[in-house]
Amino acid sequence: MSRSFLFLLGSSRSDGNTEALARRAAEQLPADVEQRWLSLTEHPLPDFEDLRHDTDHVRPSGDNAALLLDATLAATDIVIASPLYWYSVSASVKRYLDHWSGWLRTPGLDFKDTLAGRTLWGVTVLAATEQAYADPLVGTLSNSAAYMEMRFGGVLLGNGSKPGDVLNDTDALTRAKTFFDAGPGFRQ
């Protein structure tokens, strides 16, 4: 299976710092690697409703949930590009990950088996200079990958606040050049 990257943009701001850093890293991918970019703001999911004890789950169709599910299943590499909001992923990313719970229980979908062995990556930009503030975000993605038996590619960290600031973070831009070559489990 050739590599296919799904970039999920979790910012409430289009063309923000996190997206800019993710795009810099994506520029380094070989030309034959498919890239699909989806904004969770443009394709919002409803709040997840836990029905596991009440009803059978059915496969979503014809809406944003179906679009995101199909894109997730088609990708070999899933990149969560979320700014650091209150020490973790954005609300739209959290909502997307919550929907994984329903997709895990959808008969015939084999969601976990399909994602097992694929790679989950993260890209985030934080305003603080202390990168430890991103530890909860890294933990969310790392633990999600472990539960799904996916490889965890790591998280590319950048620094910035107002739009364009991350382009002044020369260390992050340097790391972006080799981020997707770093191998699973690497944290930059």
N, C-alpha and C. Protein backbone atom coordinates (compact mmCIF):
# COMPACT_ATOMS: atom_id res chain seq x y z
N MET A 1 0.85 -1.18 0.00
CA MET A 1 0.00 0.00 0.00
C MET A 1 0.90 1.24 0.00
N SER A 2 0.72 2.12 -0.98
CA SER A 2 1.49 3.35 -1.00
C SER A 2 0.97 4.29 0.09
N ARG A 3 1.83 5.18 0.53
CA ARG A 3 1.46 6.06 1.64
C ARG A 3 0.46 7.12 1.20
N SER A 4 -0.48 7.38 2.10
CA SER A 4 -1.52 8.38 1.89
C SER A 4 -1.71 9.13 3.20
N PHE A 5 -1.42 10.41 3.19
CA PHE A 5 -1.50 11.24 4.40
C PHE A 5 -2.82 11.97 4.46
N LEU A 6 -3.46 11.90 5.62
CA LEU A 6 -4.65 12.70 5.92
C LEU A 6 -4.23 13.74 6.95
N PHE A 7 -4.32 15.00 6.57
CA PHE A 7 -4.03 16.11 7.48
C PHE A 7 -5.35 16.67 7.98
N LEU A 8 -5.59 16.54 9.27
CA LEU A 8 -6.81 17.05 9.88
C LEU A 8 -6.48 18.34 10.63
N LEU A 9 -7.04 19.43 10.14
CA LEU A 9 -6.76 20.75 10.70
C LEU A 9 -7.75 21.05 11.80
N GLY A 10 -7.25 21.24 13.01
CA GLY A 10 -8.12 21.41 14.16
C GLY A 10 -8.18 22.82 14.71
N SER A 11 -7.73 23.79 13.95
CA SER A 11 -7.75 25.17 14.44
C SER A 11 -9.06 25.86 14.08
N SER A 12 -9.47 26.78 14.91
CA SER A 12 -10.64 27.59 14.59
C SER A 12 -10.25 28.74 13.66
N ARG A 13 -8.95 28.89 13.42
CA ARG A 13 -8.44 29.95 12.55
C ARG A 13 -7.86 29.32 11.29
N SER A 14 -8.31 29.74 10.12
CA SER A 14 -7.72 29.21 8.89
C SER A 14 -6.35 29.86 8.67
N ASP A 15 -5.48 29.10 8.06
CA ASP A 15 -4.12 29.57 7.76
C ASP A 15 -3.36 30.02 9.02
N GLY A 16 -3.58 29.33 10.12
CA GLY A 16 -2.91 29.66 11.37
C GLY A 16 -1.51 29.06 11.43
N ASN A 17 -0.86 29.24 12.55
CA ASN A 17 0.50 28.78 12.74
C ASN A 17 0.65 27.27 12.65
N THR A 18 -0.29 26.54 13.24
CA THR A 18 -0.19 25.08 13.21
C THR A 18 -0.31 24.56 11.79
N GLU A 19 -1.26 25.09 11.04
CA GLU A 19 -1.40 24.68 9.64
C GLU A 19 -0.15 25.04 8.84
N ALA A 20 0.41 26.22 9.08
CA ALA A 20 1.63 26.63 8.37
C ALA A 20 2.77 25.66 8.64
N LEU A 21 2.93 25.25 9.90
CA LEU A 21 4.00 24.31 10.24
C LEU A 21 3.74 22.94 9.62
N ALA A 22 2.49 22.49 9.65
CA ALA A 22 2.14 21.20 9.04
C ALA A 22 2.43 21.24 7.54
N ARG A 23 2.10 22.33 6.89
CA ARG A 23 2.34 22.44 5.44
C ARG A 23 3.83 22.46 5.14
N ARG A 24 4.63 23.08 6.00
CA ARG A 24 6.08 23.05 5.80
C ARG A 24 6.60 21.62 5.89
N ALA A 25 6.10 20.85 6.84
CA ALA A 25 6.53 19.45 6.95
C ALA A 25 6.05 18.64 5.75
N ALA A 26 4.82 18.89 5.31
CA ALA A 26 4.25 18.14 4.18
C ALA A 26 4.98 18.42 2.87
N GLU A 27 5.56 19.61 2.74
CA GLU A 27 6.32 19.95 1.53
C GLU A 27 7.47 18.98 1.29
N GLN A 28 7.93 18.33 2.34
CA GLN A 28 9.08 17.44 2.24
C GLN A 28 8.70 16.02 1.82
N LEU A 29 7.41 15.72 1.80
CA LEU A 29 6.98 14.38 1.39
C LEU A 29 7.24 14.19 -0.10
N PRO A 30 7.56 12.96 -0.50
CA PRO A 30 7.77 12.71 -1.93
C PRO A 30 6.50 13.03 -2.74
N ALA A 31 6.70 13.38 -4.00
CA ALA A 31 5.59 13.79 -4.87
C ALA A 31 4.55 12.70 -5.05
N ASP A 32 4.96 11.43 -4.94
CA ASP A 32 4.01 10.34 -5.16
C ASP A 32 3.19 9.98 -3.92
N VAL A 33 3.41 10.68 -2.82
CA VAL A 33 2.65 10.44 -1.60
C VAL A 33 1.40 11.31 -1.64
N GLU A 34 0.24 10.66 -1.55
CA GLU A 34 -1.03 11.39 -1.58
C GLU A 34 -1.19 12.20 -0.30
N GLN A 35 -1.71 13.41 -0.44
CA GLN A 35 -2.02 14.27 0.70
C GLN A 35 -3.47 14.72 0.59
N ARG A 36 -4.20 14.58 1.67
CA ARG A 36 -5.56 15.10 1.73
C ARG A 36 -5.66 15.98 2.96
N TRP A 37 -6.16 17.19 2.78
CA TRP A 37 -6.27 18.17 3.85
C TRP A 37 -7.73 18.44 4.12
N LEU A 38 -8.16 18.24 5.37
CA LEU A 38 -9.54 18.51 5.76
C LEU A 38 -9.55 19.36 7.02
N SER A 39 -10.34 20.40 6.98
CA SER A 39 -10.51 21.26 8.14
C SER A 39 -11.70 20.77 8.96
N LEU A 40 -11.46 20.54 10.24
CA LEU A 40 -12.56 20.11 11.11
C LEU A 40 -13.53 21.25 11.39
N THR A 41 -13.11 22.48 11.15
CA THR A 41 -14.02 23.62 11.25
C THR A 41 -14.97 23.66 10.06
N GLU A 42 -14.45 23.35 8.88
CA GLU A 42 -15.27 23.33 7.67
C GLU A 42 -16.13 22.07 7.58
N HIS A 43 -15.74 21.02 8.29
CA HIS A 43 -16.48 19.75 8.30
C HIS A 43 -16.77 19.37 9.75
N PRO A 44 -17.59 20.15 10.43
CA PRO A 44 -17.80 19.93 11.86
C PRO A 44 -18.58 18.64 12.15
N LEU A 45 -18.21 18.03 13.23
CA LEU A 45 -18.93 16.86 13.73
C LEU A 45 -19.85 17.29 14.86
N PRO A 46 -20.98 16.61 15.00
CA PRO A 46 -21.82 16.90 16.16
C PRO A 46 -21.13 16.36 17.41
N ASP A 47 -21.56 16.83 18.57
CA ASP A 47 -21.05 16.24 19.80
C ASP A 47 -21.28 14.74 19.75
N PHE A 48 -20.31 13.99 20.25
CA PHE A 48 -20.44 12.54 20.26
C PHE A 48 -21.44 12.12 21.32
N GLU A 49 -22.34 11.24 20.93
CA GLU A 49 -23.33 10.70 21.86
C GLU A 49 -23.01 9.23 22.07
N ASP A 50 -22.69 8.87 23.29
CA ASP A 50 -22.31 7.49 23.61
C ASP A 50 -23.57 6.63 23.71
N LEU A 51 -23.77 5.81 22.69
CA LEU A 51 -24.95 4.95 22.63
C LEU A 51 -24.59 3.48 22.75
N ARG A 52 -23.39 3.18 23.22
CA ARG A 52 -22.93 1.79 23.17
C ARG A 52 -23.81 0.83 23.95
N HIS A 53 -24.53 1.30 24.94
CA HIS A 53 -25.39 0.39 25.71
C HIS A 53 -26.85 0.52 25.32
N ASP A 54 -27.15 1.41 24.38
CA ASP A 54 -28.55 1.67 24.04
C ASP A 54 -28.96 1.15 22.67
N THR A 55 -28.05 1.13 21.71
CA THR A 55 -28.44 0.82 20.34
C THR A 55 -27.24 0.33 19.55
N ASP A 56 -27.51 -0.22 18.39
CA ASP A 56 -26.44 -0.60 17.48
C ASP A 56 -25.96 0.65 16.75
N HIS A 57 -24.68 0.68 16.50
CA HIS A 57 -24.12 1.79 15.73
C HIS A 57 -24.27 1.46 14.26
N VAL A 58 -24.60 2.45 13.48
CA VAL A 58 -24.66 2.27 12.03
C VAL A 58 -23.59 3.14 11.41
N ARG A 59 -23.15 2.71 10.24
CA ARG A 59 -22.11 3.45 9.54
C ARG A 59 -22.68 4.80 9.11
N PRO A 60 -21.97 5.90 9.41
CA PRO A 60 -22.45 7.21 8.97
C PRO A 60 -22.49 7.28 7.45
N SER A 61 -23.45 8.03 6.93
CA SER A 61 -23.52 8.21 5.48
C SER A 61 -23.99 9.62 5.17
N GLY A 62 -23.41 10.18 4.11
CA GLY A 62 -23.88 11.44 3.56
C GLY A 62 -23.67 12.68 4.40
N ASP A 63 -22.76 12.66 5.35
CA ASP A 63 -22.53 13.85 6.15
C ASP A 63 -21.04 13.97 6.49
N ASN A 64 -20.71 14.93 7.33
CA ASN A 64 -19.31 15.13 7.70
C ASN A 64 -18.72 13.92 8.41
N ALA A 65 -19.51 13.23 9.21
CA ALA A 65 -19.01 12.03 9.89
C ALA A 65 -18.60 10.98 8.87
N ALA A 66 -19.40 10.79 7.83
CA ALA A 66 -19.07 9.82 6.79
C ALA A 66 -17.80 10.24 6.04
N LEU A 67 -17.71 11.52 5.71
CA LEU A 67 -16.53 12.04 5.02
C LEU A 67 -15.27 11.80 5.84
N LEU A 68 -15.32 12.14 7.13
CA LEU A 68 -14.15 11.98 7.98
C LEU A 68 -13.83 10.52 8.25
N LEU A 69 -14.84 9.69 8.41
CA LEU A 69 -14.62 8.26 8.59
C LEU A 69 -13.94 7.67 7.36
N ASP A 70 -14.48 7.94 6.18
CA ASP A 70 -13.90 7.39 4.96
C ASP A 70 -12.48 7.88 4.74
N ALA A 71 -12.23 9.15 5.01
CA ALA A 71 -10.88 9.70 4.85
C ALA A 71 -9.92 9.05 5.85
N THR A 72 -10.39 8.82 7.06
CA THR A 72 -9.56 8.18 8.08
C THR A 72 -9.21 6.75 7.68
N LEU A 73 -10.19 6.01 7.20
CA LEU A 73 -9.95 4.62 6.81
C LEU A 73 -9.03 4.52 5.59
N ALA A 74 -9.05 5.52 4.73
CA ALA A 74 -8.25 5.48 3.50
C ALA A 74 -6.79 5.86 3.73
N ALA A 75 -6.48 6.49 4.85
CA ALA A 75 -5.14 7.03 5.09
C ALA A 75 -4.21 5.99 5.72
N THR A 76 -2.96 6.01 5.29
CA THR A 76 -1.94 5.22 5.97
C THR A 76 -1.33 6.02 7.12
N ASP A 77 -1.39 7.33 6.99
CA ASP A 77 -0.82 8.24 7.98
C ASP A 77 -1.85 9.32 8.29
N ILE A 78 -2.17 9.49 9.56
CA ILE A 78 -3.12 10.51 10.00
C ILE A 78 -2.34 11.56 10.79
N VAL A 79 -2.45 12.80 10.34
CA VAL A 79 -1.73 13.90 10.99
C VAL A 79 -2.75 14.81 11.64
N ILE A 80 -2.71 14.87 12.95
CA ILE A 80 -3.58 15.78 13.71
C ILE A 80 -2.82 17.10 13.86
N ALA A 81 -3.30 18.13 13.20
CA ALA A 81 -2.69 19.46 13.28
C ALA A 81 -3.59 20.33 14.14
N SER A 82 -3.25 20.40 15.41
CA SER A 82 -4.08 21.13 16.38
C SER A 82 -3.24 22.11 17.17
N PRO A 83 -3.66 23.36 17.23
CA PRO A 83 -2.98 24.27 18.15
C PRO A 83 -3.14 23.76 19.58
N LEU A 84 -2.25 24.17 20.43
CA LEU A 84 -2.36 23.80 21.84
C LEU A 84 -3.39 24.72 22.49
N TYR A 85 -4.53 24.16 22.85
CA TYR A 85 -5.59 24.90 23.53
C TYR A 85 -5.73 24.34 24.93
N TRP A 86 -5.47 25.13 25.93
CA TRP A 86 -5.58 24.70 27.32
C TRP A 86 -4.88 23.36 27.55
N TYR A 87 -3.65 23.28 27.03
CA TYR A 87 -2.75 22.16 27.28
C TYR A 87 -3.11 20.88 26.53
N SER A 88 -4.02 20.94 25.60
CA SER A 88 -4.40 19.73 24.88
C SER A 88 -4.83 20.08 23.46
N VAL A 89 -5.45 19.10 22.80
CA VAL A 89 -5.95 19.30 21.44
C VAL A 89 -7.16 20.23 21.47
N SER A 90 -7.48 20.78 20.33
CA SER A 90 -8.65 21.66 20.21
C SER A 90 -9.94 20.86 20.39
N ALA A 91 -11.03 21.56 20.61
CA ALA A 91 -12.33 20.91 20.80
C ALA A 91 -12.74 20.11 19.57
N SER A 92 -12.46 20.63 18.38
CA SER A 92 -12.85 19.90 17.16
C SER A 92 -12.06 18.60 17.01
N VAL A 93 -10.79 18.61 17.39
CA VAL A 93 -9.99 17.38 17.34
C VAL A 93 -10.48 16.39 18.40
N LYS A 94 -10.76 16.88 19.59
CA LYS A 94 -11.27 16.00 20.65
C LYS A 94 -12.59 15.36 20.21
N ARG A 95 -13.45 16.15 19.59
CA ARG A 95 -14.74 15.63 19.10
C ARG A 95 -14.50 14.54 18.04
N TYR A 96 -13.55 14.77 17.13
CA TYR A 96 -13.20 13.77 16.11
C TYR A 96 -12.72 12.48 16.78
N LEU A 97 -11.82 12.61 17.75
CA LEU A 97 -11.34 11.41 18.45
C LEU A 97 -12.46 10.73 19.23
N ASP A 98 -13.39 11.51 19.79
CA ASP A 98 -14.55 10.91 20.47
C ASP A 98 -15.35 10.05 19.51
N HIS A 99 -15.48 10.48 18.27
CA HIS A 99 -16.23 9.71 17.28
C HIS A 99 -15.57 8.37 16.97
N TRP A 100 -14.27 8.26 17.23
CA TRP A 100 -13.62 6.97 17.07
C TRP A 100 -14.31 5.92 17.94
N SER A 101 -14.79 6.33 19.12
CA SER A 101 -15.47 5.38 20.02
C SER A 101 -16.68 4.76 19.35
N GLY A 102 -17.45 5.56 18.64
CA GLY A 102 -18.60 5.03 17.91
C GLY A 102 -18.18 4.18 16.73
N TRP A 103 -17.16 4.62 16.02
CA TRP A 103 -16.70 3.87 14.85
C TRP A 103 -16.11 2.53 15.27
N LEU A 104 -15.55 2.45 16.48
CA LEU A 104 -15.04 1.18 16.99
C LEU A 104 -16.16 0.15 17.16
N ARG A 105 -17.36 0.64 17.41
CA ARG A 105 -18.49 -0.24 17.71
C ARG A 105 -19.44 -0.41 16.52
N THR A 106 -19.07 0.11 15.37
CA THR A 106 -19.93 -0.01 14.20
C THR A 106 -19.73 -1.38 13.57
N PRO A 107 -20.79 -2.20 13.53
CA PRO A 107 -20.67 -3.56 12.98
C PRO A 107 -20.14 -3.55 11.54
N GLY A 108 -19.21 -4.46 11.29
CA GLY A 108 -18.67 -4.63 9.95
C GLY A 108 -17.62 -3.61 9.54
N LEU A 109 -17.36 -2.63 10.37
CA LEU A 109 -16.42 -1.58 10.01
C LEU A 109 -14.96 -1.98 10.27
N ASP A 110 -14.72 -2.76 11.31
CA ASP A 110 -13.36 -3.18 11.68
C ASP A 110 -12.42 -1.98 11.80
N PHE A 111 -12.90 -0.94 12.45
CA PHE A 111 -12.17 0.32 12.55
C PHE A 111 -10.79 0.13 13.17
N LYS A 112 -10.73 -0.55 14.30
CA LYS A 112 -9.45 -0.73 14.99
C LYS A 112 -8.50 -1.59 14.16
N ASP A 113 -9.01 -2.69 13.61
CA ASP A 113 -8.16 -3.56 12.80
C ASP A 113 -7.64 -2.83 11.56
N THR A 114 -8.46 -1.97 10.99
CA THR A 114 -8.04 -1.23 9.80
C THR A 114 -6.93 -0.23 10.14
N LEU A 115 -7.04 0.45 11.27
CA LEU A 115 -6.04 1.45 11.64
C LEU A 115 -4.78 0.85 12.24
N ALA A 116 -4.86 -0.36 12.77
CA ALA A 116 -3.70 -1.00 13.38
C ALA A 116 -2.54 -1.04 12.39
N GLY A 117 -1.37 -0.62 12.86
CA GLY A 117 -0.18 -0.63 12.02
C GLY A 117 0.03 0.65 11.22
N ARG A 118 -0.99 1.48 11.13
CA ARG A 118 -0.83 2.77 10.45
C ARG A 118 -0.19 3.75 11.43
N THR A 119 0.06 4.97 10.99
CA THR A 119 0.79 5.91 11.84
C THR A 119 -0.04 7.15 12.15
N LEU A 120 -0.02 7.54 13.42
CA LEU A 120 -0.66 8.76 13.89
C LEU A 120 0.44 9.77 14.24
N TRP A 121 0.33 10.96 13.68
CA TRP A 121 1.29 12.04 13.89
C TRP A 121 0.58 13.24 14.50
N GLY A 122 1.34 14.16 15.06
CA GLY A 122 0.77 15.41 15.55
C GLY A 122 1.65 16.59 15.17
N VAL A 123 1.01 17.71 14.94
CA VAL A 123 1.70 18.98 14.73
C VAL A 123 0.98 20.00 15.60
N THR A 124 1.72 20.76 16.38
CA THR A 124 1.10 21.79 17.20
C THR A 124 2.03 22.99 17.36
N VAL A 125 1.41 24.12 17.53
CA VAL A 125 2.14 25.35 17.84
C VAL A 125 1.56 25.89 19.13
N LEU A 126 2.44 26.28 20.04
CA LEU A 126 2.01 26.83 21.31
C LEU A 126 2.63 28.20 21.52
N ALA A 127 1.95 29.02 22.28
CA ALA A 127 2.42 30.38 22.53
C ALA A 127 3.54 30.40 23.56
N ALA A 128 3.51 29.48 24.50
CA ALA A 128 4.52 29.43 25.55
C ALA A 128 5.83 28.88 24.99
N THR A 129 6.94 29.27 25.59
CA THR A 129 8.22 28.74 25.15
C THR A 129 8.56 27.43 25.84
N GLU A 130 7.87 27.11 26.92
CA GLU A 130 8.11 25.85 27.64
C GLU A 130 7.32 24.73 26.96
N GLN A 131 8.05 23.85 26.26
CA GLN A 131 7.39 22.81 25.49
C GLN A 131 6.67 21.78 26.35
N ALA A 132 7.00 21.69 27.63
CA ALA A 132 6.32 20.74 28.51
C ALA A 132 4.83 21.02 28.60
N TYR A 133 4.42 22.25 28.30
CA TYR A 133 2.98 22.55 28.30
C TYR A 133 2.23 21.70 27.28
N ALA A 134 2.93 21.20 26.28
CA ALA A 134 2.30 20.36 25.25
C ALA A 134 2.22 18.89 25.65
N ASP A 135 2.76 18.52 26.80
CA ASP A 135 2.77 17.10 27.20
C ASP A 135 1.39 16.46 27.21
N PRO A 136 0.34 17.13 27.71
CA PRO A 136 -0.99 16.50 27.66
C PRO A 136 -1.47 16.23 26.23
N LEU A 137 -1.18 17.14 25.30
CA LEU A 137 -1.54 16.92 23.90
C LEU A 137 -0.78 15.72 23.35
N VAL A 138 0.51 15.67 23.61
CA VAL A 138 1.32 14.54 23.16
C VAL A 138 0.78 13.24 23.75
N GLY A 139 0.42 13.26 25.03
CA GLY A 139 -0.13 12.07 25.68
C GLY A 139 -1.44 11.63 25.06
N THR A 140 -2.31 12.58 24.74
CA THR A 140 -3.59 12.24 24.09
C THR A 140 -3.35 11.49 22.79
N LEU A 141 -2.45 12.00 21.96
CA LEU A 141 -2.21 11.37 20.67
C LEU A 141 -1.45 10.05 20.82
N SER A 142 -0.45 10.03 21.69
CA SER A 142 0.32 8.81 21.92
C SER A 142 -0.56 7.69 22.47
N ASN A 143 -1.38 8.01 23.45
CA ASN A 143 -2.26 6.99 24.03
C ASN A 143 -3.33 6.54 23.05
N SER A 144 -3.83 7.45 22.23
CA SER A 144 -4.82 7.07 21.21
C SER A 144 -4.19 6.10 20.21
N ALA A 145 -2.97 6.40 19.79
CA ALA A 145 -2.27 5.51 18.86
C ALA A 145 -2.04 4.14 19.50
N ALA A 146 -1.60 4.12 20.74
CA ALA A 146 -1.34 2.85 21.43
C ALA A 146 -2.61 2.02 21.54
N TYR A 147 -3.71 2.65 21.91
CA TYR A 147 -4.97 1.91 22.05
C TYR A 147 -5.40 1.31 20.71
N MET A 148 -5.19 2.05 19.64
CA MET A 148 -5.60 1.59 18.31
C MET A 148 -4.56 0.67 17.67
N GLU A 149 -3.46 0.41 18.39
CA GLU A 149 -2.35 -0.40 17.89
C GLU A 149 -1.74 0.22 16.63
N MET A 150 -1.72 1.54 16.62
CA MET A 150 -1.08 2.30 15.56
C MET A 150 0.34 2.65 15.99
N ARG A 151 1.17 2.98 15.04
CA ARG A 151 2.47 3.56 15.35
C ARG A 151 2.23 5.02 15.70
N PHE A 152 3.04 5.54 16.59
CA PHE A 152 2.97 6.96 16.92
C PHE A 152 4.19 7.63 16.34
N GLY A 153 3.98 8.52 15.37
CA GLY A 153 5.09 9.18 14.69
C GLY A 153 5.73 10.30 15.48
N GLY A 154 5.04 10.78 16.51
CA GLY A 154 5.54 11.88 17.31
C GLY A 154 4.79 13.16 17.02
N VAL A 155 5.21 14.22 17.68
CA VAL A 155 4.57 15.53 17.53
C VAL A 155 5.64 16.56 17.17
N LEU A 156 5.38 17.29 16.12
CA LEU A 156 6.23 18.40 15.71
C LEU A 156 5.75 19.65 16.45
N LEU A 157 6.61 20.21 17.28
CA LEU A 157 6.26 21.37 18.10
C LEU A 157 6.86 22.64 17.53
N GLY A 158 6.05 23.69 17.52
CA GLY A 158 6.52 25.01 17.11
C GLY A 158 6.06 26.05 18.10
N ASN A 159 6.58 27.25 17.95
CA ASN A 159 6.23 28.34 18.86
C ASN A 159 5.70 29.52 18.07
N GLY A 160 4.60 30.09 18.57
CA GLY A 160 4.04 31.28 17.94
C GLY A 160 2.69 31.61 18.53
N SER A 161 2.28 32.85 18.36
CA SER A 161 0.98 33.27 18.86
C SER A 161 0.17 33.92 17.75
N LYS A 162 0.60 35.08 17.28
CA LYS A 162 -0.18 35.72 16.22
C LYS A 162 0.13 35.05 14.88
N PRO A 163 -0.79 35.15 13.92
CA PRO A 163 -0.59 34.48 12.62
C PRO A 163 0.79 34.81 12.01
N GLY A 164 1.46 33.75 11.58
CA GLY A 164 2.76 33.88 10.95
C GLY A 164 3.94 33.78 11.89
N ASP A 165 3.71 33.83 13.19
CA ASP A 165 4.81 33.77 14.16
C ASP A 165 5.67 32.52 14.00
N VAL A 166 5.06 31.38 13.71
CA VAL A 166 5.81 30.14 13.64
C VAL A 166 6.87 30.19 12.53
N LEU A 167 6.66 31.03 11.53
CA LEU A 167 7.63 31.14 10.45
C LEU A 167 8.93 31.79 10.92
N ASN A 168 8.93 32.34 12.13
CA ASN A 168 10.14 32.87 12.75
C ASN A 168 10.82 31.86 13.67
N ASP A 169 10.18 30.71 13.87
CA ASP A 169 10.74 29.65 14.72
C ASP A 169 11.64 28.77 13.84
N THR A 170 12.88 29.18 13.71
CA THR A 170 13.79 28.49 12.79
C THR A 170 14.06 27.05 13.23
N ASP A 171 14.05 26.78 14.53
CA ASP A 171 14.25 25.41 15.00
C ASP A 171 13.10 24.51 14.54
N ALA A 172 11.86 24.98 14.67
CA ALA A 172 10.70 24.19 14.24
C ALA A 172 10.72 23.99 12.73
N LEU A 173 11.08 25.01 11.99
CA LEU A 173 11.12 24.89 10.53
C LEU A 173 12.20 23.89 10.10
N THR A 174 13.30 23.86 10.81
CA THR A 174 14.35 22.89 10.53
C THR A 174 13.86 21.47 10.82
N ARG A 175 13.20 21.29 11.97
CA ARG A 175 12.66 19.97 12.32
C ARG A 175 11.59 19.53 11.33
N ALA A 176 10.83 20.48 10.80
CA ALA A 176 9.76 20.15 9.84
C ALA A 176 10.32 19.50 8.58
N LYS A 177 11.55 19.84 8.22
CA LYS A 177 12.14 19.30 7.00
C LYS A 177 12.33 17.79 7.04
N THR A 178 12.48 17.24 8.24
CA THR A 178 12.72 15.79 8.36
C THR A 178 11.69 15.10 9.24
N PHE A 179 10.65 15.81 9.64
CA PHE A 179 9.71 15.26 10.61
C PHE A 179 9.11 13.94 10.18
N PHE A 180 8.61 13.85 8.97
CA PHE A 180 7.96 12.63 8.54
C PHE A 180 8.95 11.52 8.19
N ASP A 181 10.24 11.81 8.25
CA ASP A 181 11.27 10.79 8.06
C ASP A 181 11.83 10.30 9.38
N ALA A 182 11.41 10.93 10.49
CA ALA A 182 12.02 10.67 11.79
C ALA A 182 11.74 9.28 12.32
N GLY A 183 10.66 8.67 11.89
CA GLY A 183 10.33 7.34 12.35
C GLY A 183 9.40 7.38 13.54
N PRO A 184 8.59 6.33 13.69
CA PRO A 184 7.61 6.29 14.77
C PRO A 184 8.23 6.48 16.14
N GLY A 185 7.51 7.20 16.98
CA GLY A 185 7.91 7.39 18.36
C GLY A 185 8.82 8.57 18.60
N PHE A 186 9.22 9.23 17.55
CA PHE A 186 10.15 10.35 17.69
C PHE A 186 9.38 11.61 18.04
N ARG A 187 9.91 12.38 18.98
CA ARG A 187 9.26 13.64 19.36
C ARG A 187 10.23 14.78 19.09
N GLN A 188 9.75 15.75 18.33
CA GLN A 188 10.59 16.90 17.99
C GLN A 188 10.05 18.13 18.64
